[in-house]
């Protein structure tokens, strides 16, 4: 009796997701993360990780890059994403550009926008089940952030600074990754 009831509840959940726009938004968020096993390209010149930023001024046209951006992504979340995605860079000559607002440098929270980029082990280590649920229903939990994600402007002014998180410096140095930390000037 319980199993058929659960099947109907799941169907109702799927219908509600479609009607409310959650499925559309969730797909847009997931599009930002090319799948580790489905993405065919490798050996990128540059990874750009952080807040929403127009990369035309910081990544040369002839360089192949991937950008993992979300509104108000903090430095700690960018570091966790770098740890999971650095292997997509060209070995020995790859560059990581991290873009962050000054106000988000010391924050340690992980948002639903970060979840698609993180490994299951990291999600479990930091107890991020709540954020996984939020990702299933983004319009319900964070409607304004979703609007900022979909329609918000990308920043285009930043300055190169020393990275305030030593772990990122050490991580990149150990893997021979050139690090460029850019603070958004807004």
N, C-alpha and C. Protein backbone atom coordinates (compact mmCIF):
# COMPACT_ATOMS: atom_id res chain seq x y z
N UNK A 1 0.82 -1.20 0.00
CA UNK A 1 0.00 0.00 0.00
C UNK A 1 0.87 1.27 0.00
N UNK A 2 1.99 1.23 0.74
CA UNK A 2 2.85 2.40 0.83
C UNK A 2 3.58 2.65 -0.49
N UNK A 3 4.07 1.59 -1.15
CA UNK A 3 4.82 1.74 -2.40
C UNK A 3 4.01 2.43 -3.49
N UNK A 4 2.75 2.02 -3.76
CA UNK A 4 1.97 2.73 -4.78
C UNK A 4 1.71 4.19 -4.41
N UNK A 5 1.51 4.45 -3.13
CA UNK A 5 1.28 5.80 -2.67
C UNK A 5 2.51 6.68 -2.94
N UNK A 6 3.69 6.15 -2.67
CA UNK A 6 4.94 6.89 -2.91
C UNK A 6 5.10 7.19 -4.41
N UNK A 7 4.69 6.24 -5.26
CA UNK A 7 4.79 6.44 -6.70
C UNK A 7 3.91 7.63 -7.13
N UNK A 8 2.73 7.74 -6.57
CA UNK A 8 1.84 8.86 -6.89
C UNK A 8 2.38 10.18 -6.35
N UNK A 9 2.96 10.14 -5.17
CA UNK A 9 3.54 11.35 -4.59
C UNK A 9 4.68 11.86 -5.47
N UNK A 10 5.53 10.95 -5.95
CA UNK A 10 6.64 11.35 -6.83
C UNK A 10 6.12 11.95 -8.14
N UNK A 11 5.04 11.38 -8.69
CA UNK A 11 4.45 11.93 -9.92
C UNK A 11 3.92 13.33 -9.68
N UNK A 12 3.27 13.52 -8.55
CA UNK A 12 2.73 14.84 -8.21
C UNK A 12 3.88 15.84 -8.05
N UNK A 13 4.96 15.41 -7.42
CA UNK A 13 6.12 16.29 -7.26
C UNK A 13 6.67 16.71 -8.63
N UNK A 14 6.78 15.76 -9.55
CA UNK A 14 7.29 16.08 -10.89
C UNK A 14 6.38 17.08 -11.61
N UNK A 15 5.08 16.89 -11.47
CA UNK A 15 4.12 17.81 -12.10
C UNK A 15 4.27 19.21 -11.50
N UNK A 16 4.37 19.28 -10.17
CA UNK A 16 4.53 20.57 -9.50
C UNK A 16 5.83 21.26 -9.94
N UNK A 17 6.89 20.49 -10.11
CA UNK A 17 8.15 21.07 -10.56
C UNK A 17 7.99 21.69 -11.93
N UNK A 18 7.33 20.98 -12.83
CA UNK A 18 7.15 21.48 -14.19
C UNK A 18 6.28 22.74 -14.20
N UNK A 19 5.18 22.69 -13.49
CA UNK A 19 4.24 23.81 -13.48
C UNK A 19 4.86 25.05 -12.84
N UNK A 20 5.62 24.88 -11.79
CA UNK A 20 6.17 26.02 -11.06
C UNK A 20 7.41 26.61 -11.71
N UNK A 21 7.95 25.97 -12.72
CA UNK A 21 9.16 26.47 -13.36
C UNK A 21 10.44 25.94 -12.73
N UNK A 22 10.31 25.16 -11.66
CA UNK A 22 11.49 24.64 -10.98
C UNK A 22 12.35 23.77 -11.90
N UNK A 23 11.70 22.96 -12.72
CA UNK A 23 12.46 22.07 -13.61
C UNK A 23 13.29 22.90 -14.61
N UNK A 24 12.68 23.96 -15.16
CA UNK A 24 13.39 24.82 -16.11
C UNK A 24 14.61 25.47 -15.44
N UNK A 25 14.39 26.04 -14.27
CA UNK A 25 15.48 26.73 -13.55
C UNK A 25 16.57 25.73 -13.18
N UNK A 26 16.17 24.58 -12.69
CA UNK A 26 17.15 23.56 -12.30
C UNK A 26 18.02 23.16 -13.50
N UNK A 27 17.40 23.00 -14.66
CA UNK A 27 18.15 22.65 -15.86
C UNK A 27 19.14 23.76 -16.23
N UNK A 28 18.74 25.02 -16.08
CA UNK A 28 19.63 26.14 -16.37
C UNK A 28 20.84 26.13 -15.42
N UNK A 29 20.59 25.83 -14.16
CA UNK A 29 21.68 25.75 -13.19
C UNK A 29 22.62 24.61 -13.55
N UNK A 30 22.06 23.47 -13.89
CA UNK A 30 22.88 22.29 -14.21
C UNK A 30 23.65 22.48 -15.52
N UNK A 31 23.12 23.29 -16.44
CA UNK A 31 23.82 23.56 -17.70
C UNK A 31 25.19 24.20 -17.46
N UNK A 32 25.32 24.92 -16.36
CA UNK A 32 26.58 25.57 -16.03
C UNK A 32 27.67 24.57 -15.70
N UNK A 33 27.29 23.34 -15.41
CA UNK A 33 28.25 22.32 -15.03
C UNK A 33 28.30 21.22 -16.09
N UNK A 34 29.21 21.32 -17.03
CA UNK A 34 29.34 20.21 -17.97
C UNK A 34 29.71 18.95 -17.20
N UNK A 35 29.05 17.89 -17.50
CA UNK A 35 29.28 16.64 -16.76
C UNK A 35 30.68 16.11 -16.94
N UNK A 36 31.23 15.62 -15.87
CA UNK A 36 32.58 15.08 -15.90
C UNK A 36 32.71 13.97 -16.93
N UNK A 37 31.66 13.18 -17.10
CA UNK A 37 31.75 12.05 -18.02
C UNK A 37 31.09 12.35 -19.37
N UNK A 38 30.30 13.41 -19.45
CA UNK A 38 29.63 13.72 -20.71
C UNK A 38 30.35 14.80 -21.50
N UNK A 39 31.12 15.64 -20.85
CA UNK A 39 31.87 16.69 -21.54
C UNK A 39 33.03 16.05 -22.31
N UNK A 40 33.06 16.29 -23.60
CA UNK A 40 34.08 15.67 -24.46
C UNK A 40 35.39 16.45 -24.48
N UNK A 41 35.30 17.77 -24.27
CA UNK A 41 36.51 18.59 -24.34
C UNK A 41 37.34 18.42 -23.07
N UNK A 42 38.64 18.58 -23.23
CA UNK A 42 39.58 18.52 -22.11
C UNK A 42 40.71 19.50 -22.40
N UNK A 43 41.63 19.59 -21.47
CA UNK A 43 42.82 20.43 -21.63
C UNK A 43 42.48 21.90 -21.89
N UNK A 44 41.65 22.45 -21.04
CA UNK A 44 41.29 23.86 -21.14
C UNK A 44 42.49 24.72 -20.73
N UNK A 45 42.58 25.89 -21.32
CA UNK A 45 43.63 26.83 -20.95
C UNK A 45 43.30 27.53 -19.63
N UNK A 46 42.01 27.82 -19.45
CA UNK A 46 41.60 28.63 -18.30
C UNK A 46 40.29 28.10 -17.71
N UNK A 47 40.24 28.10 -16.38
CA UNK A 47 38.99 27.90 -15.65
C UNK A 47 38.68 29.23 -14.96
N UNK A 48 37.46 29.72 -15.13
CA UNK A 48 37.01 30.93 -14.45
C UNK A 48 35.95 30.49 -13.46
N UNK A 49 36.19 30.74 -12.18
CA UNK A 49 35.30 30.28 -11.13
C UNK A 49 34.94 31.46 -10.24
N UNK A 50 33.67 31.57 -9.89
CA UNK A 50 33.28 32.62 -8.94
C UNK A 50 31.97 33.27 -9.27
N UNK A 51 31.89 34.55 -8.97
CA UNK A 51 30.68 35.34 -9.19
C UNK A 51 30.46 35.51 -10.69
N UNK A 52 29.27 35.98 -11.05
CA UNK A 52 28.94 36.20 -12.47
C UNK A 52 29.84 37.32 -13.00
N UNK A 53 30.57 37.01 -14.07
CA UNK A 53 31.56 37.96 -14.58
C UNK A 53 31.67 37.81 -16.09
N UNK A 54 31.77 38.93 -16.78
CA UNK A 54 31.97 38.95 -18.22
C UNK A 54 33.46 38.72 -18.49
N UNK A 55 33.80 37.57 -19.02
CA UNK A 55 35.21 37.17 -19.14
C UNK A 55 35.92 37.72 -20.38
N UNK A 56 35.23 38.44 -21.22
CA UNK A 56 35.85 38.91 -22.47
C UNK A 56 37.10 39.75 -22.23
N UNK A 57 37.17 40.44 -21.12
CA UNK A 57 38.32 41.29 -20.83
C UNK A 57 39.46 40.54 -20.12
N UNK A 58 39.18 39.38 -19.57
CA UNK A 58 40.22 38.70 -18.78
C UNK A 58 40.71 37.38 -19.38
N UNK A 59 39.98 36.86 -20.37
CA UNK A 59 40.41 35.62 -21.04
C UNK A 59 40.66 35.94 -22.51
N UNK A 60 41.89 35.77 -22.98
CA UNK A 60 42.17 36.04 -24.40
C UNK A 60 41.30 35.19 -25.32
N UNK A 61 40.96 35.76 -26.47
CA UNK A 61 40.06 35.09 -27.43
C UNK A 61 40.59 33.73 -27.89
N UNK A 62 41.90 33.59 -27.97
CA UNK A 62 42.47 32.35 -28.49
C UNK A 62 42.57 31.24 -27.43
N UNK A 63 42.11 31.51 -26.23
CA UNK A 63 42.20 30.53 -25.14
C UNK A 63 40.87 29.80 -24.97
N UNK A 64 40.96 28.50 -24.75
CA UNK A 64 39.77 27.71 -24.49
C UNK A 64 39.52 27.73 -22.98
N UNK A 65 38.29 28.09 -22.59
CA UNK A 65 38.02 28.23 -21.16
C UNK A 65 36.66 27.62 -20.79
N UNK A 66 36.54 27.36 -19.52
CA UNK A 66 35.26 26.98 -18.90
C UNK A 66 34.98 27.99 -17.81
N UNK A 67 33.72 28.38 -17.68
CA UNK A 67 33.35 29.32 -16.63
C UNK A 67 32.29 28.69 -15.75
N UNK A 68 32.55 28.66 -14.46
CA UNK A 68 31.61 28.18 -13.46
C UNK A 68 31.24 29.39 -12.60
N UNK A 69 30.11 30.02 -12.90
CA UNK A 69 29.74 31.23 -12.17
C UNK A 69 28.33 31.14 -11.60
N UNK A 70 28.11 31.90 -10.56
CA UNK A 70 26.80 32.00 -9.92
C UNK A 70 26.77 33.29 -9.12
N UNK A 71 25.58 33.83 -8.91
CA UNK A 71 25.51 35.08 -8.16
C UNK A 71 26.01 34.92 -6.73
N UNK A 72 26.87 35.84 -6.33
CA UNK A 72 27.38 35.90 -4.95
C UNK A 72 28.14 34.65 -4.51
N UNK A 73 28.79 33.97 -5.44
CA UNK A 73 29.60 32.82 -5.04
C UNK A 73 30.77 33.32 -4.20
N UNK A 74 31.00 32.66 -3.08
CA UNK A 74 32.08 33.09 -2.20
C UNK A 74 33.39 32.38 -2.52
N UNK A 75 34.44 32.84 -1.89
CA UNK A 75 35.78 32.32 -2.16
C UNK A 75 35.92 30.86 -1.75
N UNK A 76 35.34 30.49 -0.62
CA UNK A 76 35.43 29.11 -0.15
C UNK A 76 34.74 28.16 -1.13
N UNK A 77 33.55 28.52 -1.60
CA UNK A 77 32.83 27.69 -2.57
C UNK A 77 33.63 27.57 -3.87
N UNK A 78 34.26 28.67 -4.28
CA UNK A 78 35.09 28.64 -5.50
C UNK A 78 36.26 27.67 -5.31
N UNK A 79 36.83 27.65 -4.12
CA UNK A 79 37.93 26.73 -3.83
C UNK A 79 37.47 25.28 -3.92
N UNK A 80 36.31 24.98 -3.35
CA UNK A 80 35.80 23.60 -3.42
C UNK A 80 35.55 23.18 -4.87
N UNK A 81 35.05 24.10 -5.66
CA UNK A 81 34.81 23.80 -7.08
C UNK A 81 36.14 23.59 -7.81
N UNK A 82 37.12 24.43 -7.54
CA UNK A 82 38.44 24.27 -8.14
C UNK A 82 39.01 22.89 -7.82
N UNK A 83 38.88 22.45 -6.59
CA UNK A 83 39.41 21.14 -6.19
C UNK A 83 38.79 20.01 -7.00
N UNK A 84 37.54 20.18 -7.39
CA UNK A 84 36.87 19.13 -8.16
C UNK A 84 37.06 19.24 -9.67
N UNK A 85 37.42 20.41 -10.16
CA UNK A 85 37.46 20.64 -11.61
C UNK A 85 38.84 20.94 -12.18
N UNK A 86 39.86 21.03 -11.34
CA UNK A 86 41.18 21.44 -11.83
C UNK A 86 41.75 20.49 -12.88
N UNK A 87 41.35 19.23 -12.86
CA UNK A 87 41.93 18.26 -13.80
C UNK A 87 41.51 18.53 -15.25
N UNK A 88 40.60 19.44 -15.47
CA UNK A 88 40.21 19.79 -16.84
C UNK A 88 41.19 20.78 -17.47
N UNK A 89 42.10 21.32 -16.66
CA UNK A 89 43.09 22.26 -17.18
C UNK A 89 44.23 21.54 -17.88
N UNK A 90 44.88 22.24 -18.80
CA UNK A 90 46.10 21.71 -19.41
C UNK A 90 47.13 21.51 -18.33
N UNK A 91 47.73 20.36 -18.34
CA UNK A 91 48.72 20.06 -17.31
C UNK A 91 49.96 20.92 -17.50
N UNK A 92 50.37 21.56 -16.42
CA UNK A 92 51.60 22.36 -16.44
C UNK A 92 51.46 23.75 -17.02
N UNK A 93 50.35 24.06 -17.68
CA UNK A 93 50.20 25.40 -18.26
C UNK A 93 48.81 25.97 -18.09
N UNK A 94 47.97 25.32 -17.29
CA UNK A 94 46.61 25.81 -17.07
C UNK A 94 46.57 26.99 -16.11
N UNK A 95 45.51 27.75 -16.23
CA UNK A 95 45.34 28.93 -15.39
C UNK A 95 43.94 28.92 -14.79
N UNK A 96 43.85 29.28 -13.52
CA UNK A 96 42.57 29.42 -12.85
C UNK A 96 42.39 30.89 -12.47
N UNK A 97 41.26 31.45 -12.88
CA UNK A 97 40.92 32.81 -12.49
C UNK A 97 39.73 32.70 -11.54
N UNK A 98 39.92 33.18 -10.33
CA UNK A 98 38.83 33.20 -9.35
C UNK A 98 38.37 34.64 -9.20
N UNK A 99 37.06 34.83 -9.32
CA UNK A 99 36.46 36.15 -9.26
C UNK A 99 35.52 36.21 -8.07
N UNK A 100 35.72 37.21 -7.20
CA UNK A 100 34.93 37.28 -5.97
C UNK A 100 34.75 38.73 -5.52
N UNK A 101 33.60 39.00 -4.93
CA UNK A 101 33.40 40.31 -4.31
C UNK A 101 34.11 40.33 -2.96
N UNK A 102 34.57 41.49 -2.57
CA UNK A 102 35.24 41.65 -1.27
C UNK A 102 34.34 41.15 -0.14
N UNK A 103 33.05 41.43 -0.24
CA UNK A 103 32.11 41.03 0.83
C UNK A 103 31.93 39.52 0.93
N UNK A 104 32.35 38.78 -0.08
CA UNK A 104 32.18 37.32 -0.07
C UNK A 104 33.47 36.56 0.16
N UNK A 105 34.56 37.26 0.45
CA UNK A 105 35.85 36.59 0.63
C UNK A 105 35.90 35.71 1.87
N UNK A 106 35.28 36.11 2.93
CA UNK A 106 35.40 35.38 4.19
C UNK A 106 34.22 34.44 4.47
N UNK A 107 33.20 34.49 3.64
CA UNK A 107 32.03 33.64 3.84
C UNK A 107 32.37 32.19 3.54
N UNK A 108 31.69 31.27 4.22
CA UNK A 108 31.97 29.84 4.06
C UNK A 108 30.73 29.05 3.64
N UNK A 109 29.64 29.75 3.36
CA UNK A 109 28.41 29.02 3.02
C UNK A 109 28.46 28.47 1.59
N UNK A 110 27.76 27.39 1.41
CA UNK A 110 27.64 26.75 0.10
C UNK A 110 26.18 26.90 -0.32
N UNK A 111 25.95 27.37 -1.54
CA UNK A 111 24.58 27.57 -2.00
C UNK A 111 24.14 26.44 -2.93
N UNK A 112 22.88 26.47 -3.27
CA UNK A 112 22.35 25.46 -4.20
C UNK A 112 23.05 25.56 -5.55
N UNK A 113 23.56 26.75 -5.91
CA UNK A 113 24.26 26.93 -7.18
C UNK A 113 25.61 26.21 -7.20
N UNK A 114 26.15 25.92 -6.03
CA UNK A 114 27.46 25.25 -5.93
C UNK A 114 27.34 23.73 -6.00
N UNK A 115 26.20 23.20 -5.62
CA UNK A 115 25.99 21.75 -5.49
C UNK A 115 26.34 20.97 -6.76
N UNK A 116 25.92 21.41 -7.96
CA UNK A 116 26.23 20.61 -9.16
C UNK A 116 27.72 20.42 -9.42
N UNK A 117 28.56 21.29 -8.86
CA UNK A 117 29.99 21.22 -9.11
C UNK A 117 30.74 20.38 -8.09
N UNK A 118 30.06 19.98 -7.03
CA UNK A 118 30.73 19.30 -5.93
C UNK A 118 30.52 17.80 -5.99
N UNK A 119 31.54 17.08 -5.59
CA UNK A 119 31.50 15.62 -5.54
C UNK A 119 30.62 15.20 -4.37
N UNK A 120 30.03 14.03 -4.47
CA UNK A 120 29.17 13.49 -3.42
C UNK A 120 29.89 13.43 -2.08
N UNK A 121 31.15 13.09 -2.09
CA UNK A 121 31.92 13.02 -0.84
C UNK A 121 31.98 14.41 -0.18
N UNK A 122 32.20 15.44 -0.99
CA UNK A 122 32.24 16.81 -0.45
C UNK A 122 30.87 17.20 0.08
N UNK A 123 29.82 16.85 -0.64
CA UNK A 123 28.45 17.16 -0.19
C UNK A 123 28.18 16.51 1.15
N UNK A 124 28.59 15.25 1.30
CA UNK A 124 28.39 14.56 2.57
C UNK A 124 29.28 15.12 3.67
N UNK A 125 30.53 15.44 3.35
CA UNK A 125 31.47 15.96 4.34
C UNK A 125 30.97 17.26 4.96
N UNK A 126 30.38 18.13 4.14
CA UNK A 126 29.91 19.42 4.63
C UNK A 126 28.40 19.42 4.93
N UNK A 127 27.78 18.23 4.90
CA UNK A 127 26.36 18.08 5.24
C UNK A 127 25.49 19.07 4.43
N UNK A 128 25.50 18.91 3.13
CA UNK A 128 24.83 19.84 2.23
C UNK A 128 23.53 19.28 1.64
N UNK A 129 22.87 18.41 2.37
CA UNK A 129 21.61 17.82 1.90
C UNK A 129 20.54 18.89 1.70
N UNK A 130 20.51 19.89 2.59
CA UNK A 130 19.53 20.97 2.48
C UNK A 130 19.68 21.69 1.13
N UNK A 131 20.92 21.98 0.73
CA UNK A 131 21.16 22.67 -0.52
C UNK A 131 20.78 21.79 -1.72
N UNK A 132 20.92 20.47 -1.58
CA UNK A 132 20.48 19.58 -2.64
C UNK A 132 18.97 19.67 -2.82
N UNK A 133 18.24 19.74 -1.71
CA UNK A 133 16.79 19.89 -1.77
C UNK A 133 16.42 21.23 -2.39
N UNK A 134 17.14 22.29 -2.00
CA UNK A 134 16.88 23.61 -2.56
C UNK A 134 17.08 23.61 -4.07
N UNK A 135 18.05 22.85 -4.56
CA UNK A 135 18.31 22.76 -5.99
C UNK A 135 17.15 22.09 -6.72
N UNK A 136 16.44 21.20 -6.04
CA UNK A 136 15.27 20.56 -6.67
C UNK A 136 14.12 21.55 -6.83
N UNK A 137 14.03 22.51 -5.91
CA UNK A 137 12.92 23.48 -5.92
C UNK A 137 13.47 24.90 -5.78
N UNK A 138 14.28 25.36 -6.71
CA UNK A 138 14.94 26.65 -6.56
C UNK A 138 13.97 27.83 -6.48
N UNK A 139 12.88 27.78 -7.23
CA UNK A 139 11.91 28.89 -7.21
C UNK A 139 11.19 28.99 -5.87
N UNK A 140 11.05 27.90 -5.20
CA UNK A 140 10.39 27.89 -3.90
C UNK A 140 11.30 28.45 -2.81
N UNK A 141 12.57 28.04 -2.81
CA UNK A 141 13.49 28.41 -1.74
C UNK A 141 14.19 29.76 -1.96
N UNK A 142 14.53 30.07 -3.21
CA UNK A 142 15.33 31.28 -3.48
C UNK A 142 14.87 31.99 -4.76
N UNK A 143 13.64 32.48 -4.79
CA UNK A 143 13.15 33.09 -6.04
C UNK A 143 13.97 34.31 -6.49
N UNK A 144 14.42 35.15 -5.56
CA UNK A 144 15.17 36.34 -5.96
C UNK A 144 16.57 35.98 -6.47
N UNK A 145 17.20 35.00 -5.83
CA UNK A 145 18.51 34.55 -6.30
C UNK A 145 18.40 33.93 -7.68
N UNK A 146 17.30 33.20 -7.92
CA UNK A 146 17.09 32.59 -9.23
C UNK A 146 16.96 33.68 -10.29
N UNK A 147 16.21 34.73 -9.98
CA UNK A 147 16.08 35.84 -10.94
C UNK A 147 17.44 36.49 -11.19
N UNK A 148 18.22 36.63 -10.15
CA UNK A 148 19.57 37.20 -10.29
C UNK A 148 20.44 36.28 -11.16
N UNK A 149 20.28 34.97 -10.99
CA UNK A 149 21.02 33.99 -11.78
C UNK A 149 20.62 34.08 -13.25
N UNK A 150 19.32 34.15 -13.51
CA UNK A 150 18.83 34.13 -14.89
C UNK A 150 18.99 35.47 -15.61
N UNK A 151 18.75 36.56 -14.89
CA UNK A 151 18.69 37.86 -15.56
C UNK A 151 19.66 38.90 -15.02
N UNK A 152 20.37 38.56 -13.97
CA UNK A 152 21.28 39.53 -13.35
C UNK A 152 22.46 39.85 -14.26
N UNK A 153 22.97 41.05 -14.06
CA UNK A 153 24.10 41.46 -14.90
C UNK A 153 25.37 40.76 -14.45
N UNK A 154 26.27 40.64 -15.40
CA UNK A 154 27.59 40.11 -15.09
C UNK A 154 28.50 41.30 -14.82
N UNK A 155 29.33 41.17 -13.82
CA UNK A 155 30.27 42.23 -13.52
C UNK A 155 31.34 42.27 -14.61
N UNK A 156 31.97 43.42 -14.76
CA UNK A 156 33.01 43.54 -15.78
C UNK A 156 34.19 44.40 -15.33
N UNK A 157 34.21 44.78 -14.06
CA UNK A 157 35.33 45.55 -13.54
C UNK A 157 35.88 44.84 -12.31
N UNK A 158 37.16 44.56 -12.35
CA UNK A 158 37.81 43.89 -11.22
C UNK A 158 39.28 44.29 -11.18
N UNK A 159 39.90 43.97 -10.09
CA UNK A 159 41.34 44.23 -9.98
C UNK A 159 42.04 42.95 -9.53
N UNK A 160 43.24 42.76 -10.02
CA UNK A 160 44.02 41.59 -9.63
C UNK A 160 44.60 41.85 -8.24
N UNK A 161 44.37 40.91 -7.34
CA UNK A 161 44.80 41.05 -5.94
C UNK A 161 45.49 39.76 -5.51
N UNK A 162 46.10 39.79 -4.34
CA UNK A 162 46.61 38.56 -3.74
C UNK A 162 45.43 37.76 -3.21
N UNK A 163 45.45 36.47 -3.43
CA UNK A 163 44.36 35.63 -2.97
C UNK A 163 44.40 35.55 -1.44
N UNK A 164 43.29 35.89 -0.77
CA UNK A 164 43.28 35.90 0.69
C UNK A 164 43.17 34.52 1.33
N UNK A 165 42.94 33.48 0.53
CA UNK A 165 42.82 32.13 1.08
C UNK A 165 44.07 31.33 0.69
N UNK A 166 44.95 31.13 1.65
CA UNK A 166 46.24 30.49 1.41
C UNK A 166 46.08 29.08 0.85
N UNK A 167 45.02 28.38 1.23
CA UNK A 167 44.80 27.01 0.73
C UNK A 167 44.71 26.99 -0.79
N UNK A 168 44.12 28.02 -1.38
CA UNK A 168 44.01 28.08 -2.84
C UNK A 168 45.39 28.27 -3.46
N UNK A 169 46.16 29.17 -2.89
CA UNK A 169 47.54 29.39 -3.37
C UNK A 169 48.33 28.09 -3.32
N UNK A 170 48.28 27.40 -2.18
CA UNK A 170 49.02 26.15 -2.01
C UNK A 170 48.54 25.08 -2.98
N UNK A 171 47.23 24.95 -3.12
CA UNK A 171 46.64 23.96 -4.01
C UNK A 171 47.14 24.17 -5.44
N UNK A 172 47.11 25.41 -5.91
CA UNK A 172 47.52 25.70 -7.28
C UNK A 172 49.02 25.51 -7.46
N UNK A 173 49.80 25.91 -6.48
CA UNK A 173 51.25 25.76 -6.57
C UNK A 173 51.63 24.28 -6.67
N UNK A 174 50.99 23.44 -5.86
CA UNK A 174 51.29 21.99 -5.88
C UNK A 174 50.96 21.35 -7.21
N UNK A 175 50.00 21.90 -7.93
CA UNK A 175 49.54 21.31 -9.19
C UNK A 175 50.02 22.09 -10.42
N UNK A 176 50.91 23.03 -10.19
CA UNK A 176 51.48 23.83 -11.27
C UNK A 176 50.39 24.55 -12.07
N UNK A 177 49.43 25.14 -11.34
CA UNK A 177 48.35 25.92 -11.94
C UNK A 177 48.63 27.39 -11.66
N UNK A 178 48.59 28.19 -12.70
CA UNK A 178 48.73 29.63 -12.51
C UNK A 178 47.42 30.16 -11.92
N UNK A 179 47.51 30.90 -10.83
CA UNK A 179 46.33 31.44 -10.16
C UNK A 179 46.26 32.94 -10.35
N UNK A 180 45.09 33.40 -10.73
CA UNK A 180 44.83 34.84 -10.80
C UNK A 180 43.57 35.10 -9.98
N UNK A 181 43.72 35.89 -8.94
CA UNK A 181 42.57 36.23 -8.09
C UNK A 181 42.13 37.63 -8.44
N UNK A 182 40.83 37.77 -8.77
CA UNK A 182 40.29 39.06 -9.16
C UNK A 182 39.19 39.46 -8.19
N UNK A 183 39.33 40.64 -7.62
CA UNK A 183 38.30 41.16 -6.73
C UNK A 183 37.40 42.08 -7.54
N UNK A 184 36.10 41.84 -7.45
CA UNK A 184 35.14 42.64 -8.18
C UNK A 184 35.03 44.02 -7.56
N UNK A 185 35.17 45.01 -8.42
CA UNK A 185 35.01 46.41 -8.00
C UNK A 185 33.63 46.86 -8.45
N UNK A 186 32.73 46.97 -7.50
CA UNK A 186 31.37 47.37 -7.89
C UNK A 186 30.98 48.68 -7.28
